[in-house]
């Protein structure tokens, strides 16, 4: 496989009524933009917002997640765009010159108390589950509790018993465990519990920007220790401190700010444990990488920092593929 295979591992879609990705449209990612920018693959996300934790709320979330997974799979035509559920399928798509379409679920709230959901999601092609979103769920505490849902600062002390069982279910299904959005305690527990390396698919470094969604150096060290992966994402609020009062609400970040976070993580834990993602259409987009058509802007910024072809290849896809293979190897 080409060392420069560019894979964006966290891209949201509009739901309901998603636009046709074959046409140039209002979203930051569609197939024409991917082709124009040289973005060869994307993990599209079945995102479920945190809601009430009762039977009706869980049922609605489960139905939404599975409908979104089916829709994402339908985006692939098997020719110019191939759906990929495994690392081998992904590599085959790349070799064939096709765009790679992958899927994942964001927010274990969609599981409710049904561990069997993991196997169903995997059967639909999902390659990872983000354990929480904003707001605690039945699996774990969130890095950002939601007062509107009655959350206290901490509920489970990290993972719940169900959350620990969910990590085991993900391992058995061959799905990756995504610890983005998870509280520090929950993230550290998942890292140690999982039989395959965990990944934070969309975050940044707390040492550079003290934001509750970012991970600190102790968490970075834990990822290295278990063979995991941190993926720096293109969300301005995660990359730079806000400006002084009286100016714009959020500092305008750019690809150089992303590169700063990549540099910090690489110095701390090594390039083999660092990756990239956009969170496009879920809040992502920075100067130089505003949409999929500008993918080359981030690559250029990294090359200017001295990252060679091998390192850039690892950052864009090689490290994610390693973790994907490791997850698949735990299945059964």
Protein backbone atom coordinates (compact mmCIF):
# COMPACT_ATOMS: atom_id res chain seq x y z
CA UNK A 1 0.00 0.00 0.00
CA UNK A 2 1.20 3.52 -0.76
CA UNK A 3 2.97 5.14 2.17
CA UNK A 4 0.98 8.31 1.50
CA UNK A 5 -2.52 6.87 1.82
CA UNK A 6 -4.57 9.66 3.40
CA UNK A 7 -7.32 8.41 5.72
CA UNK A 8 -9.50 10.74 7.76
CA UNK A 9 -10.72 8.62 10.64
CA UNK A 10 -13.51 10.80 12.03
CA UNK A 11 -16.01 12.48 9.70
CA UNK A 12 -19.58 13.22 10.79
CA UNK A 13 -22.56 13.10 8.45
CA UNK A 14 -25.78 15.07 8.51
CA UNK A 15 -28.71 13.17 9.99
CA UNK A 16 -31.51 12.89 9.19
CA UNK A 17 -31.75 13.75 5.48
CA UNK A 18 -28.06 13.45 4.57
CA UNK A 19 -27.10 15.05 1.26
CA UNK A 20 -25.89 12.88 -1.62
CA UNK A 21 -22.10 12.55 -1.09
CA UNK A 22 -21.60 11.95 -4.82
CA UNK A 23 -22.42 15.60 -5.45
CA UNK A 24 -20.49 18.69 -4.43
CA UNK A 25 -22.58 20.09 -1.62
CA UNK A 26 -22.65 22.00 1.66
CA UNK A 27 -20.76 19.42 3.75
CA UNK A 28 -17.03 19.66 4.37
CA UNK A 29 -16.63 16.11 3.10
CA UNK A 30 -18.19 14.65 -0.03
CA UNK A 31 -16.68 12.48 -2.74
CA UNK A 32 -15.84 15.32 -5.17
CA UNK A 33 -13.96 17.18 -2.41
CA UNK A 34 -12.16 13.98 -1.41
CA UNK A 35 -11.05 13.38 -4.99
CA UNK A 36 -9.94 16.97 -5.47
CA UNK A 37 -7.97 17.04 -2.23
CA UNK A 38 -6.41 13.60 -2.48
CA UNK A 39 -8.23 12.25 0.57
CA UNK A 40 -8.43 8.56 -0.25
CA UNK A 41 -10.52 7.28 2.63
CA UNK A 42 -12.81 8.37 5.45
CA UNK A 43 -14.45 6.81 8.48
CA UNK A 44 -17.98 8.19 8.47
CA UNK A 45 -19.64 8.35 11.87
CA UNK A 46 -22.98 7.08 13.11
CA UNK A 47 -23.22 9.73 15.82
CA UNK A 48 -25.87 9.57 18.50
CA UNK A 49 -26.29 12.57 20.84
CA UNK A 50 -26.62 11.84 24.54
CA UNK A 51 -30.21 11.76 25.68
CA UNK A 52 -32.38 10.42 28.46
CA UNK A 53 -31.18 7.08 29.80
CA UNK A 54 -34.47 5.23 29.76
CA UNK A 55 -35.91 2.46 27.57
CA UNK A 56 -37.38 4.87 25.04
CA UNK A 57 -34.21 6.94 24.77
CA UNK A 58 -32.00 3.90 24.32
CA UNK A 59 -34.33 2.37 21.73
CA UNK A 60 -34.38 5.56 19.69
CA UNK A 61 -30.59 5.85 19.87
CA UNK A 62 -30.10 2.22 18.81
CA UNK A 63 -32.43 2.61 15.83
CA UNK A 64 -30.64 5.80 14.76
CA UNK A 65 -27.18 4.24 14.98
CA UNK A 66 -28.11 1.21 12.92
CA UNK A 67 -29.93 3.29 10.30
CA UNK A 68 -26.86 5.50 9.97
CA UNK A 69 -24.54 2.50 9.63
CA UNK A 70 -26.71 1.11 6.84
CA UNK A 71 -26.75 4.49 5.12
CA UNK A 72 -22.96 4.85 5.32
CA UNK A 73 -22.52 1.39 3.82
CA UNK A 74 -24.87 2.34 0.97
CA UNK A 75 -22.54 5.20 0.00
CA UNK A 76 -20.10 2.69 -1.51
CA UNK A 77 -20.74 1.37 -5.02
CA UNK A 78 -18.11 -1.37 -4.89
CA UNK A 79 -16.16 0.21 -7.73
CA UNK A 80 -15.02 3.83 -7.44
CA UNK A 81 -15.98 3.73 -3.75
CA UNK A 82 -15.51 0.57 -1.72
CA UNK A 83 -16.93 -0.12 1.72
CA UNK A 84 -14.21 -1.45 4.00
CA UNK A 85 -14.84 -3.23 7.29
CA UNK A 86 -11.34 -4.67 7.70
CA UNK A 87 -7.75 -3.59 7.24
CA UNK A 88 -7.37 -6.04 4.37
CA UNK A 89 -10.40 -4.59 2.58
CA UNK A 90 -9.04 -1.11 3.13
CA UNK A 91 -5.68 -2.00 1.64
CA UNK A 92 -7.37 -3.67 -1.34
CA UNK A 93 -9.42 -0.53 -1.99
CA UNK A 94 -6.29 1.58 -1.93
CA UNK A 95 -4.48 -0.74 -4.34
CA UNK A 96 -7.48 -0.60 -6.69
CA UNK A 97 -7.47 3.20 -6.66
CA UNK A 98 -10.93 3.39 -5.10
CA UNK A 99 -12.06 5.72 -2.36
CA UNK A 100 -12.39 3.83 0.91
CA UNK A 101 -15.63 4.21 2.88
CA UNK A 102 -15.60 3.04 6.52
CA UNK A 103 -17.99 3.46 9.43
CA UNK A 104 -17.97 3.73 13.22
CA UNK A 105 -20.41 4.46 16.03
CA UNK A 106 -20.00 7.49 18.29
CA UNK A 107 -21.55 7.20 21.76
CA UNK A 108 -22.14 3.91 23.54
CA UNK A 109 -25.48 5.39 24.64
CA UNK A 110 -26.80 3.68 21.50
CA UNK A 111 -26.10 0.33 23.17
CA UNK A 112 -28.34 0.86 26.16
CA UNK A 113 -27.74 -2.26 28.22
CA UNK A 114 -27.59 -4.58 25.21
CA UNK A 115 -24.06 -5.88 24.70
CA UNK A 116 -25.32 -7.74 21.63
CA UNK A 117 -25.44 -4.39 19.84
CA UNK A 118 -21.67 -4.54 19.39
CA UNK A 119 -21.84 -7.68 17.24
CA UNK A 120 -24.69 -6.17 15.19
CA UNK A 121 -22.69 -2.99 14.56
CA UNK A 122 -19.66 -5.03 13.57
CA UNK A 123 -21.80 -7.07 11.17
CA UNK A 124 -22.85 -3.77 9.58
CA UNK A 125 -19.17 -2.88 9.17
CA UNK A 126 -18.40 -0.54 12.06
CA UNK A 127 -14.69 -0.52 12.92
CA UNK A 128 -14.82 1.31 16.27
CA UNK A 129 -17.07 2.60 19.03
CA UNK A 130 -16.53 5.91 20.80
CA UNK A 131 -17.59 4.92 24.32
CA UNK A 132 -19.19 8.25 25.29
CA UNK A 133 -20.02 11.65 23.92
CA UNK A 134 -20.79 14.79 25.91
CA UNK A 135 -22.65 13.59 28.99
CA UNK A 136 -22.27 10.47 31.08
CA UNK A 137 -23.87 7.30 29.78
CA UNK A 138 -24.35 3.83 31.24
CA UNK A 139 -20.87 2.74 30.09
CA UNK A 140 -18.64 5.50 31.38
CA UNK A 141 -18.20 8.99 32.70
CA UNK A 142 -17.71 11.64 30.05
CA UNK A 143 -14.96 14.22 29.86
CA UNK A 144 -17.76 16.79 29.60
CA UNK A 145 -20.72 16.09 31.90
CA UNK A 146 -24.05 17.63 30.87
CA UNK A 147 -25.78 19.53 33.63
CA UNK A 148 -28.90 19.66 31.45
CA UNK A 149 -29.16 15.89 31.85
CA UNK A 150 -28.53 16.02 35.58
CA UNK A 151 -24.90 14.91 35.40
CA UNK A 152 -22.62 15.36 38.36
CA UNK A 153 -18.87 15.73 37.80
CA UNK A 154 -18.48 11.96 38.15
CA UNK A 155 -20.95 9.07 38.23
CA UNK A 156 -19.13 5.77 37.77
CA UNK A 157 -15.57 6.65 38.74
CA UNK A 158 -14.58 5.98 35.13
CA UNK A 159 -16.00 2.86 33.47
CA UNK A 160 -19.10 1.22 34.89
CA UNK A 161 -19.41 -2.56 35.16
CA UNK A 162 -21.38 -2.43 31.90
CA UNK A 163 -18.63 -0.34 30.34
CA UNK A 164 -16.03 -2.93 31.28
CA UNK A 165 -18.19 -5.61 29.72
CA UNK A 166 -18.58 -3.43 26.62
CA UNK A 167 -14.81 -3.22 26.20
CA UNK A 168 -14.73 -7.01 26.28
CA UNK A 169 -17.53 -7.20 23.72
CA UNK A 170 -15.64 -4.82 21.43
CA UNK A 171 -12.51 -6.93 21.74
CA UNK A 172 -14.45 -10.10 20.89
CA UNK A 173 -16.04 -8.40 17.88
CA UNK A 174 -12.72 -7.11 16.57
CA UNK A 175 -13.75 -3.46 16.94
CA UNK A 176 -11.46 -0.71 18.16
CA UNK A 177 -12.16 1.04 21.46
CA UNK A 178 -12.28 4.83 20.96
CA UNK A 179 -11.63 6.77 24.18
CA UNK A 180 -12.32 10.25 22.79
CA UNK A 181 -14.88 12.11 24.95
CA UNK A 182 -14.25 9.71 27.86
CA UNK A 183 -13.23 11.01 31.30
CA UNK A 184 -9.58 10.60 32.20
CA UNK A 185 -10.38 7.84 34.68
CA UNK A 186 -12.50 5.98 32.13
CA UNK A 187 -9.89 6.40 29.42
CA UNK A 188 -7.08 5.07 31.60
CA UNK A 189 -9.19 2.10 32.71
CA UNK A 190 -10.17 1.26 29.13
CA UNK A 191 -6.54 1.45 28.01
CA UNK A 192 -5.49 -1.09 30.63
CA UNK A 193 -8.52 -3.35 30.26
CA UNK A 194 -8.71 -3.67 26.48
CA UNK A 195 -6.90 -6.64 24.94
CA UNK A 196 -6.19 -4.52 21.85
CA UNK A 197 -4.71 -1.01 21.76
CA UNK A 198 -7.19 1.82 22.30
CA UNK A 199 -7.38 4.93 20.13
CA UNK A 200 -8.46 8.51 20.79
CA UNK A 201 -9.72 9.27 17.29
CA UNK A 202 -10.34 13.00 17.71
CA UNK A 203 -8.63 14.99 20.44
CA UNK A 204 -5.51 17.10 21.07
CA UNK A 205 -2.82 17.66 23.70
CA UNK A 206 -3.84 19.15 27.02
CA UNK A 207 -0.27 20.34 27.63
CA UNK A 208 -0.79 22.87 24.82
CA UNK A 209 -4.48 23.62 25.32
CA UNK A 210 -6.16 22.98 28.66
CA UNK A 211 -9.51 21.76 27.38
CA UNK A 212 -11.55 18.94 28.98
CA UNK A 213 -11.73 17.10 25.65
CA UNK A 214 -7.95 16.97 25.31
CA UNK A 215 -5.66 14.34 26.86
CA UNK A 216 -2.75 15.08 29.15
CA UNK A 217 0.78 13.71 29.13
CA UNK A 218 -0.04 10.91 31.57
CA UNK A 219 -2.75 9.76 29.18
CA UNK A 220 -0.37 10.01 26.24
CA UNK A 221 2.10 7.84 28.14
CA UNK A 222 -0.65 5.28 28.77
CA UNK A 223 -1.43 5.13 25.05
CA UNK A 224 2.21 4.41 24.27
CA UNK A 225 2.36 1.77 27.00
CA UNK A 226 -0.54 -0.20 25.52
CA UNK A 227 0.44 0.35 21.89
CA UNK A 228 -2.41 2.81 21.34
CA UNK A 229 -2.90 5.92 19.28
CA UNK A 230 -3.78 9.59 19.76
CA UNK A 231 -5.17 11.41 16.73
CA UNK A 232 -4.89 15.18 16.66
CA UNK A 233 -8.05 16.70 15.22
CA UNK A 234 -8.90 19.92 13.41
CA UNK A 235 -11.14 21.51 16.04
CA UNK A 236 -10.04 25.07 16.77
CA UNK A 237 -11.21 25.05 20.39
CA UNK A 238 -8.98 22.04 21.11
CA UNK A 239 -5.88 23.56 19.55
CA UNK A 240 -5.51 27.09 20.91
CA UNK A 241 -6.47 29.06 23.99
CA UNK A 242 -9.33 31.48 23.44
CA UNK A 243 -8.36 35.12 22.88
CA UNK A 244 -8.71 37.73 25.62
CA UNK A 245 -12.19 38.95 26.50
CA UNK A 246 -13.59 41.36 23.98
CA UNK A 247 -12.20 39.55 20.96
CA UNK A 248 -13.60 36.68 18.91
CA UNK A 249 -15.00 33.86 21.01
CA UNK A 250 -12.60 31.20 19.66
CA UNK A 251 -9.05 31.73 18.47
CA UNK A 252 -8.60 31.04 14.76
CA UNK A 253 -6.47 27.92 14.58
CA UNK A 254 -4.74 26.54 11.50
CA UNK A 255 -2.74 23.61 10.25
CA UNK A 256 0.32 25.02 12.04
CA UNK A 257 -1.53 24.67 15.34
CA UNK A 258 -2.36 21.07 14.47
CA UNK A 259 1.30 20.50 13.68
CA UNK A 260 2.25 21.93 17.09
CA UNK A 261 0.08 19.30 18.78
CA UNK A 262 1.47 16.56 16.55
CA UNK A 263 4.99 17.68 17.46
CA UNK A 264 4.22 17.55 21.17
CA UNK A 265 2.70 14.07 20.99
CA UNK A 266 5.52 12.75 18.80
CA UNK A 267 8.16 14.07 21.19
CA UNK A 268 6.32 12.55 24.13
CA UNK A 269 5.35 9.09 22.83
CA UNK A 270 6.83 8.65 19.34
CA UNK A 271 5.45 9.02 15.84
CA UNK A 272 4.20 5.41 15.88
CA UNK A 273 1.47 6.42 18.36
CA UNK A 274 0.21 9.64 16.73
CA UNK A 275 -2.30 10.21 13.94
CA UNK A 276 -4.61 12.75 12.31
CA UNK A 277 -8.34 13.34 11.91
CA UNK A 278 -10.60 16.23 11.00
CA UNK A 279 -13.93 15.90 12.84
CA UNK A 280 -15.30 17.57 9.70
CA UNK A 281 -19.03 18.23 9.80
CA UNK A 282 -18.87 17.74 13.55
CA UNK A 283 -17.07 20.98 14.41
CA UNK A 284 -13.75 20.46 12.64
CA UNK A 285 -12.09 22.75 10.13
CA UNK A 286 -9.05 25.02 10.46
CA UNK A 287 -7.18 27.42 8.22
CA UNK A 288 -5.37 25.34 5.64
CA UNK A 289 -7.67 22.35 6.13
CA UNK A 290 -11.19 23.69 5.95
CA UNK A 291 -12.61 20.72 4.06
CA UNK A 292 -11.55 17.52 2.32
CA UNK A 293 -10.46 19.43 -0.78
CA UNK A 294 -7.68 21.07 1.26
CA UNK A 295 -6.15 17.88 2.62
CA UNK A 296 -2.81 18.71 1.04
CA UNK A 297 -2.48 21.75 3.30
CA UNK A 298 -1.98 19.62 6.40
CA UNK A 299 0.46 17.32 4.63
CA UNK A 300 2.49 20.35 3.54
CA UNK A 301 2.59 21.71 7.09
CA UNK A 302 3.87 18.39 8.41
CA UNK A 303 6.52 18.10 5.71
CA UNK A 304 7.69 21.62 6.53
CA UNK A 305 8.23 20.43 10.12
CA UNK A 306 10.61 17.75 8.86
CA UNK A 307 8.32 14.73 8.75
CA UNK A 308 9.43 12.49 5.91
CA UNK A 309 7.37 10.13 3.73
CA UNK A 310 7.46 7.30 6.29
CA UNK A 311 6.38 9.51 9.18
CA UNK A 312 3.65 11.26 7.20
CA UNK A 313 2.36 7.88 6.06
CA UNK A 314 2.20 6.66 9.66
CA UNK A 315 0.39 9.81 10.77
CA UNK A 316 -2.19 9.67 7.98
CA UNK A 317 -3.03 5.98 8.04
CA UNK A 318 -0.25 3.57 8.97
CA UNK A 319 -0.72 3.79 12.71
CA UNK A 320 -4.51 3.52 12.47
CA UNK A 321 -4.17 0.43 10.28
CA UNK A 322 -1.86 -1.14 12.87
CA UNK A 323 -4.43 -0.61 15.62
CA UNK A 324 -7.20 -1.83 13.33
CA UNK A 325 -5.32 -5.06 12.64
CA UNK A 326 -4.62 -5.53 16.34
CA UNK A 327 -8.34 -5.18 17.11
CA UNK A 328 -9.22 -7.70 14.43
CA UNK A 329 -6.68 -10.12 15.89
CA UNK A 330 -8.53 -10.14 19.25
CA UNK A 331 -11.85 -11.15 17.68
CA UNK A 332 -13.49 -14.38 18.70
